[in-house]
PDB file of N, CA and C in Angstrom:
ATOM      1  N   UNK A   1     106.886 100.170 138.929  1.00  0.00           N
ATOM      2  CA  UNK A   1     105.861  99.905 139.910  1.00  0.00           C
ATOM      3  C   UNK A   1     106.458  99.223 141.142  1.00  0.00           C
ATOM      4  N   UNK A   2     107.320  98.236 140.876  1.00  0.00           N
ATOM      5  CA  UNK A   2     107.950  97.521 141.980  1.00  0.00           C
ATOM      6  C   UNK A   2     108.882  98.447 142.750  1.00  0.00           C
ATOM      7  N   UNK A   3     109.611  99.289 142.010  1.00  0.00           N
ATOM      8  CA  UNK A   3     110.533 100.226 142.659  1.00  0.00           C
ATOM      9  C   UNK A   3     109.763 101.193 143.547  1.00  0.00           C
ATOM     10  N   UNK A   4     108.624 101.680 143.061  1.00  0.00           N
ATOM     11  CA  UNK A   4     107.813 102.599 143.859  1.00  0.00           C
ATOM     12  C   UNK A   4     107.311 101.916 145.128  1.00  0.00           C
ATOM     13  N   UNK A   5     106.909 100.664 145.005  1.00  0.00           N
ATOM     14  CA  UNK A   5     106.432  99.919 146.163  1.00  0.00           C
ATOM     15  C   UNK A   5     107.560  99.717 147.176  1.00  0.00           C
ATOM     16  N   UNK A   6     108.750  99.365 146.692  1.00  0.00           N
ATOM     17  CA  UNK A   6     109.891  99.193 147.591  1.00  0.00           C
ATOM     18  C   UNK A   6     110.279 100.501 148.268  1.00  0.00           C
ATOM     19  N   UNK A   7     110.215 101.595 147.526  1.00  0.00           N
ATOM     20  CA  UNK A   7     110.506 102.899 148.132  1.00  0.00           C
ATOM     21  C   UNK A   7     109.494 103.251 149.213  1.00  0.00           C
ATOM     22  N   UNK A   8     108.233 102.926 148.992  1.00  0.00           N
ATOM     23  CA  UNK A   8     107.192 103.187 149.981  1.00  0.00           C
ATOM     24  C   UNK A   8     107.458 102.384 151.253  1.00  0.00           C
ATOM     25  N   UNK A   9     107.794 101.111 151.097  1.00  0.00           N
ATOM     26  CA  UNK A   9     108.120 100.273 152.265  1.00  0.00           C
ATOM     27  C   UNK A   9     109.336 100.835 152.993  1.00  0.00           C
ATOM     28  N   UNK A  10     110.357 101.220 152.230  1.00  0.00           N
ATOM     29  CA  UNK A  10     111.556 101.776 152.837  1.00  0.00           C
ATOM     30  C   UNK A  10     111.247 103.073 153.579  1.00  0.00           C
ATOM     31  N   UNK A  11     110.406 103.897 153.002  1.00  0.00           N
ATOM     32  CA  UNK A  11     110.037 105.162 153.630  1.00  0.00           C
ATOM     33  C   UNK A  11     109.326 104.914 154.958  1.00  0.00           C
ATOM     34  N   UNK A  12     108.440 103.933 154.971  1.00  0.00           N
ATOM     35  CA  UNK A  12     107.744 103.591 156.221  1.00  0.00           C
ATOM     36  C   UNK A  12     108.747 103.095 157.258  1.00  0.00           C
ATOM     37  N   UNK A  13     109.679 102.259 156.856  1.00  0.00           N
ATOM     38  CA  UNK A  13     110.706 101.754 157.770  1.00  0.00           C
ATOM     39  C   UNK A  13     111.548 102.907 158.306  1.00  0.00           C
ATOM     40  N   UNK A  14     111.890 103.857 157.451  1.00  0.00           N
ATOM     41  CA  UNK A  14     112.703 105.000 157.885  1.00  0.00           C
ATOM     42  C   UNK A  14     111.936 105.846 158.888  1.00  0.00           C
ATOM     43  N   UNK A  15     110.651 106.046 158.654  1.00  0.00           N
ATOM     44  CA  UNK A  15     109.847 106.846 159.593  1.00  0.00           C
ATOM     45  C   UNK A  15     109.789 106.148 160.954  1.00  0.00           C
ATOM     46  N   UNK A  16     109.607 104.836 160.933  1.00  0.00           N
ATOM     47  CA  UNK A  16     109.513 104.087 162.189  1.00  0.00           C
ATOM     48  C   UNK A  16     110.863 104.057 162.916  1.00  0.00           C
ATOM     49  N   UNK A  17     111.956 103.810 162.189  1.00  0.00           N
ATOM     50  CA  UNK A  17     113.270 103.672 162.837  1.00  0.00           C
ATOM     51  C   UNK A  17     114.044 104.985 162.920  1.00  0.00           C
ATOM     52  N   UNK A  18     113.599 106.000 162.199  1.00  0.00           N
ATOM     53  CA  UNK A  18     114.235 107.337 162.191  1.00  0.00           C
ATOM     54  C   UNK A  18     115.695 107.275 161.743  1.00  0.00           C
ATOM     55  N   UNK A  19     115.955 106.519 160.698  1.00  0.00           N
ATOM     56  CA  UNK A  19     117.304 106.402 160.128  1.00  0.00           C
ATOM     57  C   UNK A  19     117.318 107.143 158.785  1.00  0.00           C
ATOM     58  N   UNK A  20     117.322 108.449 158.836  1.00  0.00           N
ATOM     59  CA  UNK A  20     117.241 109.280 157.641  1.00  0.00           C
ATOM     60  C   UNK A  20     118.506 109.204 156.792  1.00  0.00           C
ATOM     61  N   UNK A  21     119.650 109.080 157.421  1.00  0.00           N
ATOM     62  CA  UNK A  21     120.898 109.007 156.662  1.00  0.00           C
ATOM     63  C   UNK A  21     120.907 107.766 155.769  1.00  0.00           C
ATOM     64  N   UNK A  22     120.446 106.650 156.290  1.00  0.00           N
ATOM     65  CA  UNK A  22     120.382 105.419 155.496  1.00  0.00           C
ATOM     66  C   UNK A  22     119.410 105.588 154.325  1.00  0.00           C
ATOM     67  N   UNK A  23     118.308 106.259 154.588  1.00  0.00           N
ATOM     68  CA  UNK A  23     117.318 106.496 153.529  1.00  0.00           C
ATOM     69  C   UNK A  23     117.907 107.354 152.416  1.00  0.00           C
ATOM     70  N   UNK A  24     118.597 108.419 152.778  1.00  0.00           N
ATOM     71  CA  UNK A  24     119.195 109.315 151.775  1.00  0.00           C
ATOM     72  C   UNK A  24     120.259 108.570 150.969  1.00  0.00           C
ATOM     73  N   UNK A  25     121.079 107.794 151.639  1.00  0.00           N
ATOM     74  CA  UNK A  25     122.110 107.017 150.935  1.00  0.00           C
ATOM     75  C   UNK A  25     121.464 106.022 149.985  1.00  0.00           C
ATOM     76  N   UNK A  26     120.410 105.357 150.439  1.00  0.00           N
ATOM     77  CA  UNK A  26     119.710 104.395 149.591  1.00  0.00           C
ATOM     78  C   UNK A  26     119.105 105.076 148.359  1.00  0.00           C
ATOM     79  N   UNK A  27     118.465 106.220 148.545  1.00  0.00           N
ATOM     80  CA  UNK A  27     117.841 106.935 147.419  1.00  0.00           C
ATOM     81  C   UNK A  27     118.899 107.389 146.423  1.00  0.00           C
ATOM     82  N   UNK A  28     120.020 107.879 146.899  1.00  0.00           N
ATOM     83  CA  UNK A  28     121.102 108.296 145.998  1.00  0.00           C
ATOM     84  C   UNK A  28     121.630 107.090 145.215  1.00  0.00           C
ATOM     85  N   UNK A  29     121.856 105.978 145.909  1.00  0.00           N
ATOM     86  CA  UNK A  29     122.342 104.768 145.228  1.00  0.00           C
ATOM     87  C   UNK A  29     121.323 104.263 144.218  1.00  0.00           C
ATOM     88  N   UNK A  30     120.049 104.254 144.580  1.00  0.00           N
ATOM     89  CA  UNK A  30     119.000 103.816 143.660  1.00  0.00           C
ATOM     90  C   UNK A  30     118.942 104.717 142.429  1.00  0.00           C
ATOM     91  N   UNK A  31     119.092 106.011 142.627  1.00  0.00           N
ATOM     92  CA  UNK A  31     119.095 106.950 141.503  1.00  0.00           C
ATOM     93  C   UNK A  31     120.262 106.672 140.567  1.00  0.00           C
ATOM     94  N   UNK A  32     121.436 106.423 141.124  1.00  0.00           N
ATOM     95  CA  UNK A  32     122.610 106.112 140.302  1.00  0.00           C
ATOM     96  C   UNK A  32     122.379 104.822 139.514  1.00  0.00           C
ATOM     97  N   UNK A  33     121.812 103.816 140.159  1.00  0.00           N
ATOM     98  CA  UNK A  33     121.550 102.548 139.474  1.00  0.00           C
ATOM     99  C   UNK A  33     120.535 102.743 138.348  1.00  0.00           C
ATOM    100  N   UNK A  34     119.460 103.454 138.622  1.00  0.00           N
ATOM    101  CA  UNK A  34     118.434 103.677 137.592  1.00  0.00           C
ATOM    102  C   UNK A  34     119.009 104.451 136.413  1.00  0.00           C
ATOM    103  N   UNK A  35     119.788 105.484 136.683  1.00  0.00           N
ATOM    104  CA  UNK A  35     120.397 106.252 135.591  1.00  0.00           C
ATOM    105  C   UNK A  35     121.373 105.396 134.792  1.00  0.00           C
ATOM    106  N   UNK A  36     122.155 104.575 135.475  1.00  0.00           N
ATOM    107  CA  UNK A  36     123.137 103.764 134.751  1.00  0.00           C
ATOM    108  C   UNK A  36     122.462 102.674 133.927  1.00  0.00           C
ATOM    109  N   UNK A  37     121.335 102.181 134.364  1.00  0.00           N
ATOM    110  CA  UNK A  37     120.654 101.122 133.624  1.00  0.00           C
ATOM    111  C   UNK A  37     119.848 101.681 132.452  1.00  0.00           C
ATOM    112  N   UNK A  38     119.185 102.809 132.653  1.00  0.00           N
ATOM    113  CA  UNK A  38     118.260 103.305 131.636  1.00  0.00           C
ATOM    114  C   UNK A  38     118.798 104.448 130.786  1.00  0.00           C
ATOM    115  N   UNK A  39     119.624 105.316 131.325  1.00  0.00           N
ATOM    116  CA  UNK A  39     120.056 106.504 130.574  1.00  0.00           C
ATOM    117  C   UNK A  39     121.426 106.359 129.928  1.00  0.00           C
ATOM    118  N   UNK A  40     122.392 105.844 130.628  1.00  0.00           N
ATOM    119  CA  UNK A  40     123.763 105.796 130.114  1.00  0.00           C
ATOM    120  C   UNK A  40     123.868 104.953 128.844  1.00  0.00           C
ATOM    121  N   UNK A  41     123.231 103.768 128.751  1.00  0.00           N
ATOM    122  CA  UNK A  41     123.327 103.016 127.491  1.00  0.00           C
ATOM    123  C   UNK A  41     122.794 103.797 126.282  1.00  0.00           C
ATOM    124  N   UNK A  42     121.804 104.637 126.499  1.00  0.00           N
ATOM    125  CA  UNK A  42     121.247 105.427 125.399  1.00  0.00           C
ATOM    126  C   UNK A  42     122.271 106.434 124.897  1.00  0.00           C
ATOM    127  N   UNK A  43     123.088 106.972 125.794  1.00  0.00           N
ATOM    128  CA  UNK A  43     124.095 107.956 125.394  1.00  0.00           C
ATOM    129  C   UNK A  43     125.164 107.340 124.499  1.00  0.00           C
ATOM    130  N   UNK A  44     125.465 106.060 124.686  1.00  0.00           N
ATOM    131  CA  UNK A  44     126.501 105.402 123.908  1.00  0.00           C
ATOM    132  C   UNK A  44     125.950 104.560 122.760  1.00  0.00           C
ATOM    133  N   UNK A  45     124.658 104.640 122.533  1.00  0.00           N
ATOM    134  CA  UNK A  45     124.021 103.864 121.473  1.00  0.00           C
ATOM    135  C   UNK A  45     124.420 104.418 120.111  1.00  0.00           C
ATOM    136  N   UNK A  46     124.772 103.528 119.215  1.00  0.00           N
ATOM    137  CA  UNK A  46     125.143 103.948 117.871  1.00  0.00           C
ATOM    138  C   UNK A  46     123.909 103.974 116.990  1.00  0.00           C
ATOM    139  N   UNK A  47     123.865 104.920 116.094  1.00  0.00           N
ATOM    140  CA  UNK A  47     122.749 105.044 115.180  1.00  0.00           C
ATOM    141  C   UNK A  47     123.187 104.591 113.795  1.00  0.00           C
ATOM    142  N   UNK A  48     122.254 104.038 113.060  1.00  0.00           N
ATOM    143  CA  UNK A  48     122.530 103.609 111.699  1.00  0.00           C
ATOM    144  C   UNK A  48     121.981 104.663 110.745  1.00  0.00           C
ATOM    145  N   UNK A  49     122.806 105.146 109.870  1.00  0.00           N
ATOM    146  CA  UNK A  49     122.385 106.132 108.887  1.00  0.00           C
ATOM    147  C   UNK A  49     121.598 105.424 107.792  1.00  0.00           C
ATOM    148  N   UNK A  50     120.353 105.818 107.612  1.00  0.00           N
ATOM    149  CA  UNK A  50     119.488 105.172 106.631  1.00  0.00           C
ATOM    150  C   UNK A  50     119.307 106.002 105.361  1.00  0.00           C
ATOM    151  N   UNK A  51     120.047 107.093 105.234  1.00  0.00           N
ATOM    152  CA  UNK A  51     119.968 107.899 104.028  1.00  0.00           C
ATOM    153  C   UNK A  51     120.359 107.053 102.819  1.00  0.00           C
ATOM    154  N   UNK A  52     119.503 106.994 101.847  1.00  0.00           N
ATOM    155  CA  UNK A  52     119.759 106.203 100.653  1.00  0.00           C
ATOM    156  C   UNK A  52     119.199 104.797 100.715  1.00  0.00           C
ATOM    157  N   UNK A  53     118.820 104.340 101.914  1.00  0.00           N
ATOM    158  CA  UNK A  53     118.153 103.047 102.031  1.00  0.00           C
ATOM    159  C   UNK A  53     116.702 103.229 101.619  1.00  0.00           C
ATOM    160  N   UNK A  54     116.080 102.160 101.201  1.00  0.00           N
ATOM    161  CA  UNK A  54     114.698 102.308 100.781  1.00  0.00           C
ATOM    162  C   UNK A  54     114.007 100.999 100.517  1.00  0.00           C
ATOM    163  N   UNK A  55     112.800 101.128  99.997  1.00  0.00           N
ATOM    164  CA  UNK A  55     111.967  99.994  99.617  1.00  0.00           C
ATOM    165  C   UNK A  55     111.503 100.198  98.190  1.00  0.00           C
ATOM    166  N   UNK A  56     111.631  99.178  97.383  1.00  0.00           N
ATOM    167  CA  UNK A  56     111.097  99.203  96.021  1.00  0.00           C
ATOM    168  C   UNK A  56     111.539 100.457  95.251  1.00  0.00           C
ATOM    169  N   UNK A  57     112.829 100.769  95.329  1.00  0.00           N
ATOM    170  CA  UNK A  57     113.455 101.906  94.633  1.00  0.00           C
ATOM    171  C   UNK A  57     113.003 103.275  95.150  1.00  0.00           C
ATOM    172  N   UNK A  58     112.328 103.334  96.278  1.00  0.00           N
ATOM    173  CA  UNK A  58     111.968 104.598  96.927  1.00  0.00           C
ATOM    174  C   UNK A  58     112.925 104.758  98.095  1.00  0.00           C
ATOM    175  N   UNK A  59     113.698 105.862  98.103  1.00  0.00           N
ATOM    176  CA  UNK A  59     114.786 106.000  99.063  1.00  0.00           C
ATOM    177  C   UNK A  59     114.519 107.096 100.091  1.00  0.00           C
ATOM    178  N   UNK A  60     114.958 106.824 101.318  1.00  0.00           N
ATOM    179  CA  UNK A  60     114.893 107.802 102.393  1.00  0.00           C
ATOM    180  C   UNK A  60     115.850 108.941 102.067  1.00  0.00           C
ATOM    181  N   UNK A  61     115.401 110.165 102.281  1.00  0.00           N
ATOM    182  CA  UNK A  61     116.234 111.338 102.045  1.00  0.00           C
ATOM    183  C   UNK A  61     116.129 111.915 100.648  1.00  0.00           C
ATOM    184  N   UNK A  62     115.366 111.285  99.776  1.00  0.00           N
ATOM    185  CA  UNK A  62     115.227 111.761  98.404  1.00  0.00           C
ATOM    186  C   UNK A  62     113.949 112.568  98.243  1.00  0.00           C
ATOM    187  N   UNK A  63     113.944 113.406  97.226  1.00  0.00           N
ATOM    188  CA  UNK A  63     112.749 114.193  96.904  1.00  0.00           C
ATOM    189  C   UNK A  63     111.655 113.298  96.355  1.00  0.00           C
ATOM    190  N   UNK A  64     110.422 113.683  96.625  1.00  0.00           N
ATOM    191  CA  UNK A  64     109.296 112.944  96.069  1.00  0.00           C
ATOM    192  C   UNK A  64     108.290 113.948  95.530  1.00  0.00           C
ATOM    193  N   UNK A  65     107.713 113.611  94.418  1.00  0.00           N
ATOM    194  CA  UNK A  65     106.667 114.436  93.829  1.00  0.00           C
ATOM    195  C   UNK A  65     105.358 114.069  94.508  1.00  0.00           C
ATOM    196  N   UNK A  66     104.697 115.055  95.103  1.00  0.00           N
ATOM    197  CA  UNK A  66     103.445 114.775  95.817  1.00  0.00           C
ATOM    198  C   UNK A  66     102.389 114.184  94.896  1.00  0.00           C
ATOM    199  N   UNK A  67     102.525 114.383  93.591  1.00  0.00           N
ATOM    200  CA  UNK A  67     101.567 113.793  92.655  1.00  0.00           C
ATOM    201  C   UNK A  67     101.709 112.274  92.586  1.00  0.00           C
ATOM    202  N   UNK A  68     102.843 111.741  93.049  1.00  0.00           N
ATOM    203  CA  UNK A  68     103.062 110.294  93.060  1.00  0.00           C
ATOM    204  C   UNK A  68     102.462 109.628  94.294  1.00  0.00           C
ATOM    205  N   UNK A  69     101.853 110.436  95.175  1.00  0.00           N
ATOM    206  CA  UNK A  69     101.298 109.903  96.413  1.00  0.00           C
ATOM    207  C   UNK A  69      99.812 110.231  96.510  1.00  0.00           C
ATOM    208  N   UNK A  70      99.159 109.528  97.395  1.00  0.00           N
ATOM    209  CA  UNK A  70      97.751 109.828  97.666  1.00  0.00           C
ATOM    210  C   UNK A  70      97.531 109.765  99.170  1.00  0.00           C
ATOM    211  N   UNK A  71      96.677 110.645  99.698  1.00  0.00           N
ATOM    212  CA  UNK A  71      96.446 110.648 101.151  1.00  0.00           C
ATOM    213  C   UNK A  71      95.736 109.378 101.598  1.00  0.00           C
ATOM    214  N   UNK A  72      95.962 109.019 102.831  1.00  0.00           N
ATOM    215  CA  UNK A  72      95.320 107.849 103.415  1.00  0.00           C
ATOM    216  C   UNK A  72      94.181 108.330 104.299  1.00  0.00           C
ATOM    217  N   UNK A  73      93.056 107.686 104.186  1.00  0.00           N
ATOM    218  CA  UNK A  73      91.895 108.059 104.995  1.00  0.00           C
ATOM    219  C   UNK A  73      92.246 107.983 106.484  1.00  0.00           C
ATOM    220  N   UNK A  74      91.881 109.010 107.221  1.00  0.00           N
ATOM    221  CA  UNK A  74      92.088 109.097 108.671  1.00  0.00           C
ATOM    222  C   UNK A  74      93.558 109.098 109.082  1.00  0.00           C
ATOM    223  N   UNK A  75      94.459 109.427 108.174  1.00  0.00           N
ATOM    224  CA  UNK A  75      95.874 109.481 108.524  1.00  0.00           C
ATOM    225  C   UNK A  75      96.478 110.723 107.885  1.00  0.00           C
ATOM    226  N   UNK A  76      96.896 111.664 108.699  1.00  0.00           N
ATOM    227  CA  UNK A  76      97.432 112.912 108.160  1.00  0.00           C
ATOM    228  C   UNK A  76      98.949 112.887 108.057  1.00  0.00           C
ATOM    229  N   UNK A  77      99.582 111.837 108.528  1.00  0.00           N
ATOM    230  CA  UNK A  77     101.046 111.796 108.533  1.00  0.00           C
ATOM    231  C   UNK A  77     101.594 111.093 107.297  1.00  0.00           C
ATOM    232  N   UNK A  78     101.069 109.931 106.990  1.00  0.00           N
ATOM    233  CA  UNK A  78     101.621 109.118 105.914  1.00  0.00           C
ATOM    234  C   UNK A  78     100.827 109.266 104.624  1.00  0.00           C
ATOM    235  N   UNK A  79     101.520 109.067 103.530  1.00  0.00           N
ATOM    236  CA  UNK A  79     100.921 109.057 102.200  1.00  0.00           C
ATOM    237  C   UNK A  79     101.208 107.702 101.572  1.00  0.00           C
ATOM    238  N   UNK A  80     100.304 107.243 100.751  1.00  0.00           N
ATOM    239  CA  UNK A  80     100.519 105.979 100.048  1.00  0.00           C
ATOM    240  C   UNK A  80     101.103 106.288  98.675  1.00  0.00           C
ATOM    241  N   UNK A  81     102.019 105.459  98.229  1.00  0.00           N
ATOM    242  CA  UNK A  81     102.550 105.613  96.882  1.00  0.00           C
ATOM    243  C   UNK A  81     101.507 105.111  95.890  1.00  0.00           C
ATOM    244  N   UNK A  82     101.275 105.877  94.844  1.00  0.00           N
ATOM    245  CA  UNK A  82     100.270 105.466  93.855  1.00  0.00           C
ATOM    246  C   UNK A  82     100.691 104.207  93.115  1.00  0.00           C
ATOM    247  N   UNK A  83     101.989 104.086  92.792  1.00  0.00           N
ATOM    248  CA  UNK A  83     102.439 102.906  92.045  1.00  0.00           C
ATOM    249  C   UNK A  83     102.595 101.683  92.930  1.00  0.00           C
ATOM    250  N   UNK A  84     102.651 101.882  94.255  1.00  0.00           N
ATOM    251  CA  UNK A  84     102.746 100.754  95.172  1.00  0.00           C
ATOM    252  C   UNK A  84     102.112 101.146  96.505  1.00  0.00           C
ATOM    253  N   UNK A  85     100.802 100.948  96.662  1.00  0.00           N
ATOM    254  CA  UNK A  85     100.129 101.353  97.900  1.00  0.00           C
ATOM    255  C   UNK A  85     100.560 100.552  99.125  1.00  0.00           C
ATOM    256  N   UNK A  86     101.398  99.551  98.938  1.00  0.00           N
ATOM    257  CA  UNK A  86     101.921  98.786 100.063  1.00  0.00           C
ATOM    258  C   UNK A  86     103.046  99.493 100.791  1.00  0.00           C
ATOM    259  N   UNK A  87     103.490 100.630 100.254  1.00  0.00           N
ATOM    260  CA  UNK A  87     104.546 101.413 100.896  1.00  0.00           C
ATOM    261  C   UNK A  87     103.961 102.774 101.272  1.00  0.00           C
ATOM    262  N   UNK A  88     104.090 103.117 102.542  1.00  0.00           N
ATOM    263  CA  UNK A  88     103.651 104.417 103.023  1.00  0.00           C
ATOM    264  C   UNK A  88     104.882 105.281 103.248  1.00  0.00           C
ATOM    265  N   UNK A  89     104.759 106.565 102.959  1.00  0.00           N
ATOM    266  CA  UNK A  89     105.886 107.477 103.145  1.00  0.00           C
ATOM    267  C   UNK A  89     105.483 108.618 104.063  1.00  0.00           C
ATOM    268  N   UNK A  90     106.443 109.046 104.867  1.00  0.00           N
ATOM    269  CA  UNK A  90     106.299 110.249 105.674  1.00  0.00           C
ATOM    270  C   UNK A  90     107.198 111.280 105.015  1.00  0.00           C
ATOM    271  N   UNK A  91     106.620 112.416 104.641  1.00  0.00           N
ATOM    272  CA  UNK A  91     107.334 113.421 103.859  1.00  0.00           C
ATOM    273  C   UNK A  91     107.355 114.744 104.622  1.00  0.00           C
ATOM    274  N   UNK A  92     108.529 115.369 104.673  1.00  0.00           N
ATOM    275  CA  UNK A  92     108.683 116.721 105.201  1.00  0.00           C
ATOM    276  C   UNK A  92     109.348 117.554 104.123  1.00  0.00           C
ATOM    277  N   UNK A  93     108.699 118.623 103.712  1.00  0.00           N
ATOM    278  CA  UNK A  93     109.233 119.526 102.694  1.00  0.00           C
ATOM    279  C   UNK A  93     109.653 118.762 101.443  1.00  0.00           C
ATOM    280  N   UNK A  94     108.801 117.867 100.978  1.00  0.00           N
ATOM    281  CA  UNK A  94     108.989 117.050  99.780  1.00  0.00           C
ATOM    282  C   UNK A  94     110.164 116.077  99.855  1.00  0.00           C
ATOM    283  N   UNK A  95     110.711 115.848 101.049  1.00  0.00           N
ATOM    284  CA  UNK A  95     111.796 114.885 101.230  1.00  0.00           C
ATOM    285  C   UNK A  95     111.260 113.715 102.041  1.00  0.00           C
ATOM    286  N   UNK A  96     111.533 112.504 101.572  1.00  0.00           N
ATOM    287  CA  UNK A  96     111.081 111.305 102.269  1.00  0.00           C
ATOM    288  C   UNK A  96     111.895 111.138 103.547  1.00  0.00           C
ATOM    289  N   UNK A  97     111.220 111.146 104.672  1.00  0.00           N
ATOM    290  CA  UNK A  97     111.876 110.990 105.969  1.00  0.00           C
ATOM    291  C   UNK A  97     111.726 109.573 106.517  1.00  0.00           C
ATOM    292  N   UNK A  98     110.655 108.885 106.118  1.00  0.00           N
ATOM    293  CA  UNK A  98     110.395 107.563 106.677  1.00  0.00           C
ATOM    294  C   UNK A  98     109.591 106.736 105.691  1.00  0.00           C
ATOM    295  N   UNK A  99     109.891 105.458 105.639  1.00  0.00           N
ATOM    296  CA  UNK A  99     109.150 104.498 104.823  1.00  0.00           C
ATOM    297  C   UNK A  99     108.552 103.442 105.734  1.00  0.00           C
ATOM    298  N   UNK A 100     107.331 103.053 105.441  1.00  0.00           N
ATOM    299  CA  UNK A 100     106.666 101.999 106.202  1.00  0.00           C
ATOM    300  C   UNK A 100     106.088 101.001 105.229  1.00  0.00           C
ATOM    301  N   UNK A 101     106.330  99.739 105.508  1.00  0.00           N
ATOM    302  CA  UNK A 101     105.813  98.670 104.666  1.00  0.00           C
ATOM    303  C   UNK A 101     104.516  98.158 105.272  1.00  0.00           C
ATOM    304  N   UNK A 102     103.444  98.211 104.500  1.00  0.00           N
ATOM    305  CA  UNK A 102     102.158  97.686 104.953  1.00  0.00           C
ATOM    306  C   UNK A 102     102.243  96.166 104.911  1.00  0.00           C
ATOM    307  N   UNK A 103     101.869  95.533 106.002  1.00  0.00           N
ATOM    308  CA  UNK A 103     102.024  94.076 106.065  1.00  0.00           C
ATOM    309  C   UNK A 103     100.714  93.316 105.858  1.00  0.00           C
ATOM    310  N   UNK A 104      99.620  93.994 105.694  1.00  0.00           N
ATOM    311  CA  UNK A 104      98.345  93.305 105.429  1.00  0.00           C
ATOM    312  C   UNK A 104      97.736  93.877 104.173  1.00  0.00           C
ATOM    313  N   UNK A 105      97.589  93.207 103.123  1.00  0.00           N
ATOM    314  CA  UNK A 105      98.125  91.881 102.847  1.00  0.00           C
ATOM    315  C   UNK A 105      99.631  91.981 102.585  1.00  0.00           C
ATOM    316  N   UNK A 106     100.353  90.935 102.893  1.00  0.00           N
ATOM    317  CA  UNK A 106     101.808  90.928 102.763  1.00  0.00           C
ATOM    318  C   UNK A 106     102.194  90.837 101.294  1.00  0.00           C
ATOM    319  N   UNK A 107     103.025  91.789 100.865  1.00  0.00           N
ATOM    320  CA  UNK A 107     103.553  91.782  99.502  1.00  0.00           C
ATOM    321  C   UNK A 107     105.024  91.385  99.603  1.00  0.00           C
ATOM    322  N   UNK A 108     105.329  90.138  99.326  1.00  0.00           N
ATOM    323  CA  UNK A 108     106.701  89.646  99.499  1.00  0.00           C
ATOM    324  C   UNK A 108     107.636  90.060  98.373  1.00  0.00           C
ATOM    325  N   UNK A 109     107.107  90.724  97.358  1.00  0.00           N
ATOM    326  CA  UNK A 109     107.982  91.140  96.256  1.00  0.00           C
ATOM    327  C   UNK A 109     108.714  92.436  96.567  1.00  0.00           C
ATOM    328  N   UNK A 110     108.260  93.208  97.534  1.00  0.00           N
ATOM    329  CA  UNK A 110     108.923  94.454  97.897  1.00  0.00           C
ATOM    330  C   UNK A 110     110.199  94.123  98.651  1.00  0.00           C
ATOM    331  N   UNK A 111     111.299  94.762  98.239  1.00  0.00           N
ATOM    332  CA  UNK A 111     112.572  94.502  98.918  1.00  0.00           C
ATOM    333  C   UNK A 111     113.312  95.812  99.165  1.00  0.00           C
ATOM    334  N   UNK A 112     114.293  95.745 100.058  1.00  0.00           N
ATOM    335  CA  UNK A 112     115.120  96.909 100.345  1.00  0.00           C
ATOM    336  C   UNK A 112     116.121  97.101  99.211  1.00  0.00           C
ATOM    337  N   UNK A 113     116.927  98.132  99.319  1.00  0.00           N
ATOM    338  CA  UNK A 113     117.925  98.414  98.293  1.00  0.00           C
ATOM    339  C   UNK A 113     118.994  97.313  98.245  1.00  0.00           C
ATOM    340  N   UNK A 114     119.128  96.551  99.336  1.00  0.00           N
ATOM    341  CA  UNK A 114     120.113  95.472  99.390  1.00  0.00           C
ATOM    342  C   UNK A 114     119.503  94.119  99.062  1.00  0.00           C
ATOM    343  N   UNK A 115     118.241  94.104  98.667  1.00  0.00           N
ATOM    344  CA  UNK A 115     117.602  92.866  98.256  1.00  0.00           C
ATOM    345  C   UNK A 115     116.972  92.052  99.367  1.00  0.00           C
ATOM    346  N   UNK A 116     116.799  92.640 100.539  1.00  0.00           N
ATOM    347  CA  UNK A 116     116.164  91.934 101.646  1.00  0.00           C
ATOM    348  C   UNK A 116     114.658  92.132 101.534  1.00  0.00           C
ATOM    349  N   UNK A 117     113.902  91.021 101.611  1.00  0.00           N
ATOM    350  CA  UNK A 117     112.441  91.123 101.554  1.00  0.00           C
ATOM    351  C   UNK A 117     111.824  90.290 102.666  1.00  0.00           C
ATOM    352  N   UNK A 118     110.502  90.183 102.652  1.00  0.00           N
ATOM    353  CA  UNK A 118     109.787  89.478 103.712  1.00  0.00           C
ATOM    354  C   UNK A 118     110.123  87.989 103.759  1.00  0.00           C
ATOM    355  N   UNK A 119     110.591  87.426 102.669  1.00  0.00           N
ATOM    356  CA  UNK A 119     110.936  86.005 102.640  1.00  0.00           C
ATOM    357  C   UNK A 119     112.386  85.748 103.040  1.00  0.00           C
ATOM    358  N   UNK A 120     113.185  86.796 103.183  1.00  0.00           N
ATOM    359  CA  UNK A 120     114.602  86.631 103.506  1.00  0.00           C
ATOM    360  C   UNK A 120     114.778  86.042 104.894  1.00  0.00           C
ATOM    361  N   UNK A 121     115.766  85.176 105.022  1.00  0.00           N
ATOM    362  CA  UNK A 121     116.093  84.626 106.332  1.00  0.00           C
ATOM    363  C   UNK A 121     116.988  85.604 107.079  1.00  0.00           C
ATOM    364  N   UNK A 122     117.048  85.448 108.389  1.00  0.00           N
ATOM    365  CA  UNK A 122     117.901  86.309 109.197  1.00  0.00           C
ATOM    366  C   UNK A 122     119.367  86.131 108.806  1.00  0.00           C
ATOM    367  N   UNK A 123     119.760  84.900 108.577  1.00  0.00           N
ATOM    368  CA  UNK A 123     121.158  84.612 108.221  1.00  0.00           C
ATOM    369  C   UNK A 123     121.530  85.298 106.909  1.00  0.00           C
ATOM    370  N   UNK A 124     120.656  85.224 105.911  1.00  0.00           N
ATOM    371  CA  UNK A 124     120.931  85.859 104.620  1.00  0.00           C
ATOM    372  C   UNK A 124     120.976  87.381 104.786  1.00  0.00           C
ATOM    373  N   UNK A 125     120.037  87.933 105.532  1.00  0.00           N
ATOM    374  CA  UNK A 125     119.995  89.375 105.748  1.00  0.00           C
ATOM    375  C   UNK A 125     121.246  89.852 106.467  1.00  0.00           C
ATOM    376  N   UNK A 126     121.725  89.084 107.439  1.00  0.00           N
ATOM    377  CA  UNK A 126     122.901  89.457 108.201  1.00  0.00           C
ATOM    378  C   UNK A 126     124.136  89.448 107.310  1.00  0.00           C
ATOM    379  N   UNK A 127     124.249  88.476 106.379  1.00  0.00           N
ATOM    380  CA  UNK A 127     125.390  88.434 105.461  1.00  0.00           C
ATOM    381  C   UNK A 127     125.378  89.639 104.535  1.00  0.00           C
ATOM    382  N   UNK A 128     124.193  90.081 104.121  1.00  0.00           N
ATOM    383  CA  UNK A 128     124.088  91.211 103.196  1.00  0.00           C
ATOM    384  C   UNK A 128     124.487  92.500 103.882  1.00  0.00           C
ATOM    385  N   UNK A 129     124.042  92.670 105.131  1.00  0.00           N
ATOM    386  CA  UNK A 129     124.340  93.899 105.853  1.00  0.00           C
ATOM    387  C   UNK A 129     125.797  93.949 106.204  1.00  0.00           C
TER     388      UNK A 129
END
């Protein structure tokens, strides 16, 4: 929003002073800055492979029997686990693609495959990872 406002002011100044070359140079420089701030870091971002990670012995990337799940009212994407409705799963072709932990009410007994749960401290979690 601020950038758009500054560009509008600059455009008005360029129209009044008729300095088109300065305007073009400024727009090119602004474009380079915006791309370097917002796009380039994304290209070099590292991804963490979560295959085999999970919650309460339910792992991402593993097969799931649809009979072990139940649909959630008004939600066509996620399914609730019958043995633990506090964990929602997103399934594609019977493979678990995503796990979501329901936080209301909070079930602090659910933990990741590495033993991290809702009561874990950041320091403890960082040592485990």
